[in-house]
Amino acid sequence: MGTYDDRPCVYMHGYISARLMRLPSKAEEEAGHPGLPVCVAASHFDGLVMALAPFHNSYNYRSAVLHGWAKLVADEDERLAALERITNNVVADNWSNCRMPPTKAELTTTAVLRVEVETASAKVRIGGPDDDRADLRNEDVVGRFWTGVVPAWVQYGEPVESDHNKVAKVPDYFKTFLQTQNEKNKEVAIKAVEPPPKKK
């Protein structure tokens, strides 16, 4: 996420010849089109929710859907800033810890889209299973079937060096990122097991 002209936007990148990267320019050529209408969706899985009945099995998750207009970024400063943001969103501080500057070939083969957000919605599911009251009152049912939540999170393992790696130690910034992210991912998934606060 970022901002453009004080409006929220999302930057995406891809190979210059990819269909998605070429469509916005065609849309802008048509009169009255501010870009390509797009929908961007993302979801994150936080746990498996096991209930008494299969119709109440679920997942704990976080999701977001954005609707907006995609435009090809032509300004070089904006393109570089967007690529830096995209890179650092994957691994914090990675842009400044890689070979710089990008080569001409890298820049000419990579397109960046700016999606100017018109509307957005988000949905989160936390807590345990939502079983039927009748099942919860039935001791035979409650006594026979296990219910609960299995938290799930991305866990980064130990880094494995490449065949051509000649750096003796994993960089501190990268080790810190892996440790911090592992702790955060676990904390969020386990916290999602807690039931949502009751409405007053």
N, C-alpha and C. Protein backbone atom coordinates (compact mmCIF):
# COMPACT_ATOMS: atom_id res chain seq x y z
N MET A 1 0.84 -1.19 0.00
CA MET A 1 0.00 0.00 0.00
C MET A 1 0.88 1.24 0.00
N GLY A 2 0.34 2.32 -0.54
CA GLY A 2 1.03 3.60 -0.54
C GLY A 2 0.00 4.69 -0.78
N THR A 3 0.46 5.86 -1.12
CA THR A 3 -0.45 6.94 -1.47
C THR A 3 0.04 7.60 -2.75
N TYR A 4 -0.91 8.11 -3.51
CA TYR A 4 -0.61 8.84 -4.73
C TYR A 4 -1.62 9.97 -4.81
N ASP A 5 -1.13 11.21 -4.88
CA ASP A 5 -2.02 12.38 -4.84
C ASP A 5 -2.96 12.30 -3.64
N ASP A 6 -2.41 11.89 -2.50
CA ASP A 6 -3.16 11.77 -1.24
C ASP A 6 -4.27 10.73 -1.29
N ARG A 7 -4.23 9.82 -2.26
CA ARG A 7 -5.20 8.74 -2.33
C ARG A 7 -4.49 7.41 -2.11
N PRO A 8 -5.16 6.46 -1.43
CA PRO A 8 -4.51 5.16 -1.24
C PRO A 8 -4.32 4.44 -2.56
N CYS A 9 -3.20 3.75 -2.67
CA CYS A 9 -2.93 2.99 -3.89
C CYS A 9 -2.12 1.75 -3.55
N VAL A 10 -2.12 0.82 -4.48
CA VAL A 10 -1.34 -0.41 -4.35
C VAL A 10 -0.44 -0.51 -5.58
N TYR A 11 0.83 -0.85 -5.36
CA TYR A 11 1.75 -1.03 -6.47
C TYR A 11 1.94 -2.52 -6.75
N MET A 12 1.95 -2.86 -8.04
CA MET A 12 2.19 -4.23 -8.47
C MET A 12 3.25 -4.22 -9.55
N HIS A 13 4.00 -5.28 -9.66
CA HIS A 13 5.02 -5.33 -10.70
C HIS A 13 4.97 -6.66 -11.44
N GLY A 14 5.53 -6.66 -12.65
CA GLY A 14 5.56 -7.88 -13.43
C GLY A 14 6.36 -7.67 -14.70
N TYR A 15 6.47 -8.73 -15.47
CA TYR A 15 7.23 -8.67 -16.72
C TYR A 15 6.50 -7.75 -17.69
N ILE A 16 7.25 -6.93 -18.38
CA ILE A 16 6.69 -5.88 -19.24
C ILE A 16 5.72 -6.42 -20.29
N SER A 17 5.95 -7.66 -20.76
CA SER A 17 5.10 -8.23 -21.81
C SER A 17 3.90 -9.00 -21.28
N ALA A 18 3.79 -9.14 -19.97
CA ALA A 18 2.66 -9.87 -19.39
C ALA A 18 1.36 -9.15 -19.75
N ARG A 19 0.32 -9.91 -19.99
CA ARG A 19 -0.95 -9.33 -20.44
C ARG A 19 -1.46 -8.28 -19.46
N LEU A 20 -1.41 -8.58 -18.16
CA LEU A 20 -1.91 -7.63 -17.16
C LEU A 20 -1.16 -6.30 -17.21
N MET A 21 0.12 -6.36 -17.54
CA MET A 21 0.91 -5.13 -17.58
C MET A 21 0.63 -4.30 -18.84
N ARG A 22 0.10 -4.95 -19.88
CA ARG A 22 -0.18 -4.23 -21.12
C ARG A 22 -1.60 -3.68 -21.19
N LEU A 23 -2.53 -4.28 -20.46
CA LEU A 23 -3.94 -3.89 -20.55
C LEU A 23 -4.24 -2.46 -20.10
N PRO A 24 -3.62 -1.94 -19.02
CA PRO A 24 -3.95 -0.57 -18.60
C PRO A 24 -3.70 0.48 -19.68
N SER A 25 -2.62 0.35 -20.44
CA SER A 25 -2.31 1.32 -21.50
C SER A 25 -3.40 1.30 -22.56
N LYS A 26 -3.89 0.10 -22.90
CA LYS A 26 -4.96 0.01 -23.89
C LYS A 26 -6.23 0.65 -23.36
N ALA A 27 -6.52 0.45 -22.09
CA ALA A 27 -7.73 1.02 -21.50
C ALA A 27 -7.66 2.55 -21.48
N GLU A 28 -6.47 3.10 -21.19
CA GLU A 28 -6.33 4.55 -21.14
C GLU A 28 -6.47 5.19 -22.52
N GLU A 29 -6.17 4.41 -23.56
CA GLU A 29 -6.31 4.94 -24.92
C GLU A 29 -7.77 5.15 -25.29
N GLU A 30 -8.66 4.40 -24.62
CA GLU A 30 -10.08 4.54 -24.90
C GLU A 30 -10.63 5.75 -24.14
N ALA A 31 -11.41 6.54 -24.80
CA ALA A 31 -11.95 7.77 -24.22
C ALA A 31 -12.76 7.46 -22.96
N GLY A 32 -12.55 8.27 -21.93
CA GLY A 32 -13.34 8.15 -20.71
C GLY A 32 -12.89 7.10 -19.73
N HIS A 33 -11.79 6.38 -20.04
CA HIS A 33 -11.32 5.35 -19.12
C HIS A 33 -10.09 5.86 -18.35
N PRO A 34 -10.20 5.95 -17.00
CA PRO A 34 -9.06 6.42 -16.20
C PRO A 34 -8.01 5.34 -15.96
N GLY A 35 -8.16 4.20 -16.59
CA GLY A 35 -7.24 3.09 -16.39
C GLY A 35 -8.00 1.80 -16.55
N LEU A 36 -7.42 0.71 -16.10
CA LEU A 36 -8.05 -0.60 -16.18
C LEU A 36 -8.76 -0.90 -14.87
N PRO A 37 -10.08 -1.19 -14.91
CA PRO A 37 -10.76 -1.55 -13.66
C PRO A 37 -10.27 -2.91 -13.17
N VAL A 38 -9.81 -2.96 -11.93
CA VAL A 38 -9.26 -4.20 -11.39
C VAL A 38 -9.78 -4.45 -9.98
N CYS A 39 -9.65 -5.70 -9.58
CA CYS A 39 -9.94 -6.12 -8.21
C CYS A 39 -8.70 -6.83 -7.69
N VAL A 40 -8.21 -6.40 -6.54
CA VAL A 40 -7.04 -7.02 -5.91
C VAL A 40 -7.50 -7.67 -4.61
N ALA A 41 -7.24 -8.95 -4.47
CA ALA A 41 -7.68 -9.68 -3.28
C ALA A 41 -6.49 -10.39 -2.63
N ALA A 42 -6.51 -10.43 -1.31
CA ALA A 42 -5.46 -11.13 -0.57
C ALA A 42 -6.07 -11.75 0.68
N SER A 43 -5.56 -12.90 1.06
CA SER A 43 -6.04 -13.54 2.27
C SER A 43 -4.88 -14.22 2.99
N HIS A 44 -5.04 -14.37 4.31
CA HIS A 44 -4.00 -14.99 5.13
C HIS A 44 -4.66 -15.96 6.09
N PHE A 45 -4.15 -17.18 6.13
CA PHE A 45 -4.71 -18.28 6.93
C PHE A 45 -4.06 -18.29 8.31
N ASP A 46 -4.88 -18.26 9.37
CA ASP A 46 -4.35 -18.21 10.74
C ASP A 46 -4.69 -19.44 11.58
N GLY A 47 -5.56 -20.30 11.09
CA GLY A 47 -5.86 -21.48 11.90
C GLY A 47 -7.01 -22.30 11.34
N LEU A 48 -7.02 -23.58 11.72
CA LEU A 48 -8.06 -24.53 11.32
C LEU A 48 -9.05 -24.64 12.48
N VAL A 49 -10.32 -24.38 12.22
CA VAL A 49 -11.34 -24.39 13.27
C VAL A 49 -12.17 -25.66 13.12
N MET A 50 -12.12 -26.53 14.14
CA MET A 50 -12.82 -27.81 14.11
C MET A 50 -14.05 -27.74 15.02
N ALA A 51 -15.22 -28.04 14.45
CA ALA A 51 -16.48 -27.93 15.17
C ALA A 51 -17.13 -29.30 15.36
N LEU A 52 -18.28 -29.31 16.03
CA LEU A 52 -19.00 -30.56 16.25
C LEU A 52 -19.62 -31.08 14.96
N ALA A 53 -20.08 -30.17 14.11
CA ALA A 53 -20.71 -30.55 12.84
C ALA A 53 -19.86 -30.03 11.68
N PRO A 54 -19.79 -30.77 10.57
CA PRO A 54 -18.95 -30.34 9.45
C PRO A 54 -19.37 -28.99 8.87
N PHE A 55 -20.65 -28.62 9.01
CA PHE A 55 -21.11 -27.35 8.47
C PHE A 55 -20.60 -26.15 9.27
N HIS A 56 -20.01 -26.42 10.44
CA HIS A 56 -19.47 -25.32 11.26
C HIS A 56 -17.95 -25.34 11.32
N ASN A 57 -17.31 -26.31 10.62
CA ASN A 57 -15.85 -26.24 10.50
C ASN A 57 -15.50 -24.97 9.74
N SER A 58 -14.37 -24.36 10.09
CA SER A 58 -14.04 -23.08 9.46
C SER A 58 -12.54 -22.85 9.51
N TYR A 59 -12.16 -21.63 9.18
CA TYR A 59 -10.78 -21.18 9.28
C TYR A 59 -10.76 -19.85 10.01
N ASN A 60 -9.68 -19.59 10.73
CA ASN A 60 -9.40 -18.23 11.17
C ASN A 60 -8.56 -17.60 10.07
N TYR A 61 -8.91 -16.38 9.68
CA TYR A 61 -8.23 -15.77 8.54
C TYR A 61 -8.36 -14.25 8.59
N ARG A 62 -7.56 -13.61 7.73
CA ARG A 62 -7.65 -12.16 7.48
C ARG A 62 -7.69 -11.99 5.97
N SER A 63 -8.61 -11.17 5.48
CA SER A 63 -8.70 -10.99 4.04
C SER A 63 -9.05 -9.54 3.70
N ALA A 64 -8.70 -9.14 2.50
CA ALA A 64 -9.01 -7.80 2.02
C ALA A 64 -9.27 -7.85 0.52
N VAL A 65 -10.20 -7.01 0.08
CA VAL A 65 -10.52 -6.88 -1.34
C VAL A 65 -10.52 -5.40 -1.70
N LEU A 66 -9.77 -5.05 -2.73
CA LEU A 66 -9.68 -3.66 -3.18
C LEU A 66 -10.19 -3.56 -4.61
N HIS A 67 -10.95 -2.51 -4.89
CA HIS A 67 -11.39 -2.22 -6.26
C HIS A 67 -10.82 -0.86 -6.65
N GLY A 68 -10.30 -0.78 -7.85
CA GLY A 68 -9.74 0.49 -8.28
C GLY A 68 -9.35 0.48 -9.74
N TRP A 69 -8.53 1.47 -10.10
CA TRP A 69 -8.09 1.65 -11.49
C TRP A 69 -6.58 1.45 -11.58
N ALA A 70 -6.16 0.55 -12.45
CA ALA A 70 -4.73 0.27 -12.63
C ALA A 70 -4.18 1.12 -13.76
N LYS A 71 -3.04 1.77 -13.48
CA LYS A 71 -2.36 2.58 -14.49
C LYS A 71 -0.89 2.19 -14.52
N LEU A 72 -0.31 2.21 -15.70
CA LEU A 72 1.12 1.93 -15.85
C LEU A 72 1.91 3.12 -15.33
N VAL A 73 2.87 2.87 -14.46
CA VAL A 73 3.70 3.95 -13.91
C VAL A 73 4.80 4.28 -14.91
N ALA A 74 4.82 5.52 -15.39
CA ALA A 74 5.82 5.96 -16.37
C ALA A 74 6.95 6.75 -15.73
N ASP A 75 6.66 7.46 -14.65
CA ASP A 75 7.67 8.28 -13.99
C ASP A 75 8.74 7.39 -13.36
N GLU A 76 10.01 7.60 -13.71
CA GLU A 76 11.08 6.72 -13.25
C GLU A 76 11.29 6.79 -11.75
N ASP A 77 11.18 7.98 -11.16
CA ASP A 77 11.35 8.09 -9.70
C ASP A 77 10.26 7.32 -8.97
N GLU A 78 9.04 7.43 -9.46
CA GLU A 78 7.93 6.70 -8.83
C GLU A 78 8.11 5.19 -9.01
N ARG A 79 8.57 4.79 -10.20
CA ARG A 79 8.80 3.36 -10.46
C ARG A 79 9.83 2.79 -9.50
N LEU A 80 10.95 3.51 -9.33
CA LEU A 80 12.00 3.03 -8.42
C LEU A 80 11.51 2.98 -6.98
N ALA A 81 10.77 4.01 -6.57
CA ALA A 81 10.23 4.04 -5.21
C ALA A 81 9.26 2.90 -4.98
N ALA A 82 8.45 2.60 -6.00
CA ALA A 82 7.50 1.50 -5.90
C ALA A 82 8.21 0.15 -5.81
N LEU A 83 9.24 -0.04 -6.64
CA LEU A 83 9.99 -1.29 -6.62
C LEU A 83 10.71 -1.48 -5.29
N GLU A 84 11.21 -0.39 -4.73
CA GLU A 84 11.85 -0.47 -3.41
C GLU A 84 10.83 -0.88 -2.35
N ARG A 85 9.63 -0.29 -2.40
CA ARG A 85 8.59 -0.61 -1.42
C ARG A 85 8.16 -2.07 -1.56
N ILE A 86 7.98 -2.53 -2.80
CA ILE A 86 7.58 -3.92 -3.04
C ILE A 86 8.64 -4.88 -2.49
N THR A 87 9.91 -4.58 -2.76
CA THR A 87 11.01 -5.44 -2.29
C THR A 87 11.05 -5.49 -0.77
N ASN A 88 10.95 -4.34 -0.12
CA ASN A 88 11.03 -4.28 1.33
C ASN A 88 9.79 -4.83 2.02
N ASN A 89 8.67 -4.91 1.30
CA ASN A 89 7.48 -5.53 1.88
C ASN A 89 7.63 -7.04 1.98
N VAL A 90 8.52 -7.61 1.17
CA VAL A 90 8.78 -9.05 1.25
C VAL A 90 9.78 -9.33 2.38
N VAL A 91 10.90 -8.63 2.36
CA VAL A 91 11.92 -8.74 3.41
C VAL A 91 12.35 -7.33 3.78
N ALA A 92 12.14 -6.95 5.02
CA ALA A 92 12.46 -5.59 5.46
C ALA A 92 13.93 -5.26 5.18
N ASP A 93 14.17 -4.05 4.65
CA ASP A 93 15.51 -3.52 4.37
C ASP A 93 16.27 -4.28 3.28
N ASN A 94 15.58 -5.10 2.50
CA ASN A 94 16.29 -5.91 1.50
C ASN A 94 16.80 -5.08 0.33
N TRP A 95 16.08 -4.02 -0.03
CA TRP A 95 16.48 -3.20 -1.17
C TRP A 95 17.89 -2.64 -0.98
N SER A 96 18.16 -2.10 0.19
CA SER A 96 19.47 -1.49 0.43
C SER A 96 20.56 -2.52 0.72
N ASN A 97 20.18 -3.79 0.80
CA ASN A 97 21.17 -4.84 1.04
C ASN A 97 21.34 -5.75 -0.17
N CYS A 98 21.03 -5.21 -1.36
CA CYS A 98 21.22 -5.94 -2.62
C CYS A 98 22.11 -5.11 -3.55
N ARG A 99 22.56 -5.73 -4.61
CA ARG A 99 23.37 -5.02 -5.60
C ARG A 99 22.57 -3.86 -6.18
N MET A 100 23.17 -2.70 -6.19
CA MET A 100 22.51 -1.49 -6.68
C MET A 100 23.43 -0.77 -7.64
N PRO A 101 22.93 0.06 -8.53
CA PRO A 101 21.51 0.24 -8.84
C PRO A 101 21.01 -0.87 -9.74
N PRO A 102 19.67 -0.95 -9.96
CA PRO A 102 19.16 -1.93 -10.91
C PRO A 102 19.75 -1.67 -12.30
N THR A 103 19.97 -2.72 -13.07
CA THR A 103 20.52 -2.54 -14.41
C THR A 103 19.44 -2.02 -15.36
N LYS A 104 19.89 -1.52 -16.50
CA LYS A 104 18.95 -1.03 -17.51
C LYS A 104 18.04 -2.16 -17.98
N ALA A 105 18.60 -3.36 -18.14
CA ALA A 105 17.81 -4.52 -18.58
C ALA A 105 16.73 -4.86 -17.56
N GLU A 106 17.09 -4.80 -16.27
CA GLU A 106 16.11 -5.10 -15.22
C GLU A 106 14.95 -4.10 -15.26
N LEU A 107 15.29 -2.84 -15.42
CA LEU A 107 14.26 -1.79 -15.41
C LEU A 107 13.40 -1.81 -16.67
N THR A 108 14.00 -2.10 -17.81
CA THR A 108 13.23 -2.08 -19.06
C THR A 108 12.34 -3.31 -19.22
N THR A 109 12.63 -4.38 -18.50
CA THR A 109 11.80 -5.58 -18.61
C THR A 109 10.78 -5.69 -17.47
N THR A 110 10.78 -4.73 -16.55
CA THR A 110 9.87 -4.77 -15.42
C THR A 110 8.89 -3.60 -15.50
N ALA A 111 7.61 -3.92 -15.48
CA ALA A 111 6.57 -2.90 -15.48
C ALA A 111 6.00 -2.76 -14.07
N VAL A 112 5.55 -1.55 -13.74
CA VAL A 112 4.92 -1.29 -12.45
C VAL A 112 3.54 -0.70 -12.69
N LEU A 113 2.55 -1.27 -12.03
CA LEU A 113 1.20 -0.74 -12.08
C LEU A 113 0.87 -0.06 -10.75
N ARG A 114 0.18 1.06 -10.85
CA ARG A 114 -0.34 1.73 -9.66
C ARG A 114 -1.86 1.54 -9.68
N VAL A 115 -2.39 0.88 -8.67
CA VAL A 115 -3.83 0.70 -8.57
C VAL A 115 -4.36 1.74 -7.60
N GLU A 116 -5.08 2.71 -8.14
CA GLU A 116 -5.67 3.76 -7.31
C GLU A 116 -6.98 3.22 -6.74
N VAL A 117 -7.04 3.10 -5.43
CA VAL A 117 -8.14 2.41 -4.76
C VAL A 117 -9.39 3.28 -4.71
N GLU A 118 -10.50 2.71 -5.18
CA GLU A 118 -11.80 3.38 -5.11
C GLU A 118 -12.57 2.91 -3.88
N THR A 119 -12.64 1.60 -3.71
CA THR A 119 -13.32 1.03 -2.55
C THR A 119 -12.49 -0.13 -2.01
N ALA A 120 -12.69 -0.43 -0.75
CA ALA A 120 -11.97 -1.53 -0.12
C ALA A 120 -12.81 -2.13 0.99
N SER A 121 -12.64 -3.41 1.21
CA SER A 121 -13.32 -4.08 2.33
C SER A 121 -12.38 -5.12 2.91
N ALA A 122 -12.55 -5.37 4.19
CA ALA A 122 -11.71 -6.37 4.87
C ALA A 122 -12.59 -7.24 5.76
N LYS A 123 -12.16 -8.46 5.94
CA LYS A 123 -12.91 -9.38 6.79
C LYS A 123 -11.91 -10.22 7.59
N VAL A 124 -12.23 -10.41 8.87
CA VAL A 124 -11.36 -11.18 9.76
C VAL A 124 -12.22 -12.18 10.53
N ARG A 125 -11.75 -13.41 10.65
CA ARG A 125 -12.43 -14.38 11.49
C ARG A 125 -11.46 -14.84 12.56
N ILE A 126 -11.88 -14.71 13.83
CA ILE A 126 -11.07 -15.18 14.95
C ILE A 126 -11.96 -15.98 15.89
N GLY A 127 -11.35 -16.64 16.86
CA GLY A 127 -12.11 -17.39 17.85
C GLY A 127 -12.25 -18.85 17.50
N GLY A 128 -13.08 -19.52 18.29
CA GLY A 128 -13.28 -20.95 18.12
C GLY A 128 -14.49 -21.26 17.27
N PRO A 129 -14.94 -22.52 17.30
CA PRO A 129 -16.08 -22.93 16.49
C PRO A 129 -17.39 -22.32 16.98
N ASP A 130 -18.31 -22.08 16.04
CA ASP A 130 -19.65 -21.58 16.36
C ASP A 130 -20.63 -22.73 16.18
N ASP A 131 -20.75 -23.56 17.21
CA ASP A 131 -21.62 -24.73 17.10
C ASP A 131 -23.06 -24.40 17.42
N ASP A 132 -23.98 -25.23 16.91
CA ASP A 132 -25.40 -25.07 17.19
C ASP A 132 -25.65 -25.25 18.68
N ARG A 133 -26.60 -24.46 19.20
CA ARG A 133 -26.94 -24.57 20.63
C ARG A 133 -27.44 -25.97 20.98
N ALA A 134 -28.21 -26.56 20.06
CA ALA A 134 -28.74 -27.91 20.33
C ALA A 134 -27.60 -28.91 20.49
N ASP A 135 -26.59 -28.80 19.65
CA ASP A 135 -25.43 -29.70 19.77
C ASP A 135 -24.69 -29.46 21.08
N LEU A 136 -24.55 -28.20 21.48
CA LEU A 136 -23.83 -27.87 22.70
C LEU A 136 -24.56 -28.38 23.95
N ARG A 137 -25.88 -28.50 23.85
CA ARG A 137 -26.65 -29.01 25.00
C ARG A 137 -26.71 -30.54 25.01
N ASN A 138 -26.29 -31.16 23.92
CA ASN A 138 -26.35 -32.61 23.80
C ASN A 138 -25.04 -33.22 24.29
N GLU A 139 -25.05 -33.78 25.49
CA GLU A 139 -23.83 -34.33 26.09
C GLU A 139 -23.24 -35.47 25.27
N ASP A 140 -24.11 -36.23 24.58
CA ASP A 140 -23.61 -37.32 23.76
C ASP A 140 -22.77 -36.78 22.60
N VAL A 141 -23.22 -35.70 21.98
CA VAL A 141 -22.48 -35.08 20.88
C VAL A 141 -21.21 -34.42 21.38
N VAL A 142 -21.34 -33.61 22.43
CA VAL A 142 -20.18 -32.89 22.97
C VAL A 142 -19.13 -33.86 23.50
N GLY A 143 -19.57 -34.98 24.04
CA GLY A 143 -18.64 -35.95 24.62
C GLY A 143 -17.94 -36.83 23.61
N ARG A 144 -18.38 -36.82 22.36
CA ARG A 144 -17.80 -37.72 21.36
C ARG A 144 -16.86 -37.05 20.36
N PHE A 145 -17.02 -35.74 20.13
CA PHE A 145 -16.27 -35.10 19.05
C PHE A 145 -15.40 -33.96 19.57
N TRP A 146 -14.11 -34.01 19.17
CA TRP A 146 -13.17 -32.96 19.60
C TRP A 146 -13.45 -31.68 18.84
N THR A 147 -13.42 -30.57 19.56
CA THR A 147 -13.57 -29.25 18.93
C THR A 147 -12.44 -28.35 19.40
N GLY A 148 -12.11 -27.38 18.57
CA GLY A 148 -11.06 -26.44 18.94
C GLY A 148 -10.44 -25.81 17.72
N VAL A 149 -9.29 -25.20 17.94
CA VAL A 149 -8.59 -24.49 16.87
C VAL A 149 -7.15 -24.97 16.82
N VAL A 150 -6.67 -25.19 15.61
CA VAL A 150 -5.25 -25.48 15.40
C VAL A 150 -4.62 -24.23 14.78
N PRO A 151 -3.88 -23.45 15.58
CA PRO A 151 -3.24 -22.24 15.00
C PRO A 151 -2.27 -22.62 13.90
N ALA A 152 -2.17 -21.77 12.89
CA ALA A 152 -1.25 -22.02 11.77
C ALA A 152 -0.55 -20.72 11.41
N TRP A 153 0.73 -20.82 11.12
CA TRP A 153 1.47 -19.62 10.74
C TRP A 153 2.66 -20.01 9.88
N VAL A 154 3.14 -19.03 9.09
CA VAL A 154 4.36 -19.23 8.30
C VAL A 154 5.54 -19.23 9.25
N GLN A 155 6.36 -20.27 9.15
CA GLN A 155 7.55 -20.38 9.98
C GLN A 155 8.76 -20.47 9.07
N TYR A 156 9.60 -19.42 9.10
CA TYR A 156 10.82 -19.45 8.29
C TYR A 156 11.84 -20.36 8.96
N GLY A 157 12.46 -21.22 8.16
CA GLY A 157 13.47 -22.13 8.68
C GLY A 157 14.86 -21.53 8.62
N GLU A 158 15.86 -22.37 8.81
CA GLU A 158 17.24 -21.92 8.76
C GLU A 158 17.64 -21.63 7.31
N PRO A 159 18.28 -20.50 7.05
CA PRO A 159 18.70 -20.17 5.68
C PRO A 159 19.68 -21.21 5.13
N VAL A 160 19.50 -21.55 3.86
CA VAL A 160 20.38 -22.50 3.17
C VAL A 160 21.10 -21.73 2.07
N GLU A 161 22.41 -21.69 2.12
CA GLU A 161 23.17 -20.86 1.17
C GLU A 161 23.11 -21.44 -0.25
N SER A 162 23.27 -20.55 -1.22
CA SER A 162 23.26 -20.97 -2.62
C SER A 162 24.63 -21.56 -2.99
N ASP A 163 24.68 -22.17 -4.16
CA ASP A 163 25.94 -22.77 -4.63
C ASP A 163 27.04 -21.74 -4.82
N HIS A 164 26.66 -20.50 -5.17
CA HIS A 164 27.68 -19.48 -5.43
C HIS A 164 27.84 -18.49 -4.28
N ASN A 165 27.22 -18.76 -3.13
CA ASN A 165 27.36 -17.85 -1.99
C ASN A 165 28.80 -17.86 -1.46
N LYS A 166 29.36 -16.65 -1.24
CA LYS A 166 30.72 -16.55 -0.68
C LYS A 166 30.75 -15.70 0.57
N VAL A 167 29.56 -15.39 1.12
CA VAL A 167 29.47 -14.61 2.36
C VAL A 167 29.37 -15.61 3.51
N ALA A 168 30.30 -15.51 4.44
CA ALA A 168 30.43 -16.53 5.49
C ALA A 168 29.21 -16.60 6.41
N LYS A 169 28.64 -15.45 6.75
CA LYS A 169 27.54 -15.43 7.71
C LYS A 169 26.29 -14.83 7.10
N VAL A 170 25.15 -15.31 7.56
CA VAL A 170 23.87 -14.71 7.15
C VAL A 170 23.84 -13.29 7.71
N PRO A 171 23.53 -12.29 6.90
CA PRO A 171 23.54 -10.89 7.37
C PRO A 171 22.61 -10.68 8.56
N ASP A 172 23.03 -9.79 9.46
CA ASP A 172 22.24 -9.52 10.68
C ASP A 172 20.84 -9.03 10.36
N TYR A 173 20.71 -8.14 9.35
CA TYR A 173 19.39 -7.60 9.04
C TYR A 173 18.43 -8.72 8.65
N PHE A 174 18.96 -9.74 7.94
CA PHE A 174 18.13 -10.84 7.47
C PHE A 174 17.77 -11.79 8.62
N LYS A 175 18.76 -12.08 9.49
CA LYS A 175 18.49 -12.92 10.65
C LYS A 175 17.45 -12.28 11.55
N THR A 176 17.58 -10.95 11.74
CA THR A 176 16.62 -10.22 12.59
C THR A 176 15.23 -10.28 11.98
N PHE A 177 15.14 -10.09 10.66
CA PHE A 177 13.84 -10.15 9.99
C PHE A 177 13.20 -11.52 10.19
N LEU A 178 13.95 -12.61 9.97
CA LEU A 178 13.41 -13.95 10.10
C LEU A 178 12.91 -14.22 11.51
N GLN A 179 13.70 -13.84 12.50
CA GLN A 179 13.32 -14.08 13.90
C GLN A 179 12.09 -13.27 14.26
N THR A 180 12.09 -11.99 13.90
CA THR A 180 10.96 -11.11 14.22
C THR A 180 9.69 -11.58 13.54
N GLN A 181 9.80 -11.97 12.28
CA GLN A 181 8.62 -12.40 11.53
C GLN A 181 8.07 -13.71 12.08
N ASN A 182 8.96 -14.64 12.46
CA ASN A 182 8.50 -15.90 13.04
C ASN A 182 7.74 -15.66 14.33
N GLU A 183 8.27 -14.79 15.18
CA GLU A 183 7.61 -14.48 16.45
C GLU A 183 6.26 -13.81 16.22
N LYS A 184 6.24 -12.86 15.29
CA LYS A 184 5.00 -12.13 15.00
C LYS A 184 3.93 -13.05 14.41
N ASN A 185 4.33 -13.89 13.44
CA ASN A 185 3.37 -14.80 12.81
C ASN A 185 2.74 -15.74 13.83
N LYS A 186 3.56 -16.26 14.73
CA LYS A 186 3.05 -17.17 15.76
C LYS A 186 2.13 -16.44 16.72
N GLU A 187 2.52 -15.25 17.13
CA GLU A 187 1.72 -14.47 18.07
C GLU A 187 0.33 -14.15 17.51
N VAL A 188 0.29 -13.74 16.24
CA VAL A 188 -0.99 -13.39 15.61
C VAL A 188 -1.89 -14.61 15.51
N ALA A 189 -1.34 -15.76 15.09
CA ALA A 189 -2.14 -16.97 14.93
C ALA A 189 -2.69 -17.47 16.25
N ILE A 190 -1.89 -17.42 17.30
CA ILE A 190 -2.35 -17.89 18.61
C ILE A 190 -3.36 -16.91 19.21
N LYS A 191 -3.14 -15.63 19.01
CA LYS A 191 -4.09 -14.63 19.51
C LYS A 191 -5.44 -14.76 18.81
N ALA A 192 -5.44 -15.22 17.55
CA ALA A 192 -6.69 -15.38 16.81
C ALA A 192 -7.58 -16.46 17.38
N VAL A 193 -7.03 -17.34 18.23
CA VAL A 193 -7.83 -18.39 18.87
C VAL A 193 -8.77 -17.79 19.89
N GLU A 194 -8.40 -16.66 20.50
CA GLU A 194 -9.23 -16.02 21.51
C GLU A 194 -10.56 -15.59 20.89
N PRO A 195 -11.66 -15.80 21.63
CA PRO A 195 -12.96 -15.40 21.07
C PRO A 195 -13.05 -13.89 20.93
N PRO A 196 -13.78 -13.43 19.92
CA PRO A 196 -13.94 -11.98 19.77
C PRO A 196 -14.71 -11.41 20.94
N PRO A 197 -14.48 -10.15 21.31
CA PRO A 197 -15.21 -9.56 22.44
C PRO A 197 -16.70 -9.50 22.13
N LYS A 198 -17.50 -9.77 23.17
CA LYS A 198 -18.95 -9.75 22.99
C LYS A 198 -19.46 -8.32 22.83
N LYS A 199 -20.43 -8.17 21.92
CA LYS A 199 -21.00 -6.84 21.70
C LYS A 199 -21.89 -6.47 22.88
N LYS A 200 -21.77 -5.22 23.29
CA LYS A 200 -22.57 -4.75 24.43
C LYS A 200 -23.94 -4.29 23.95
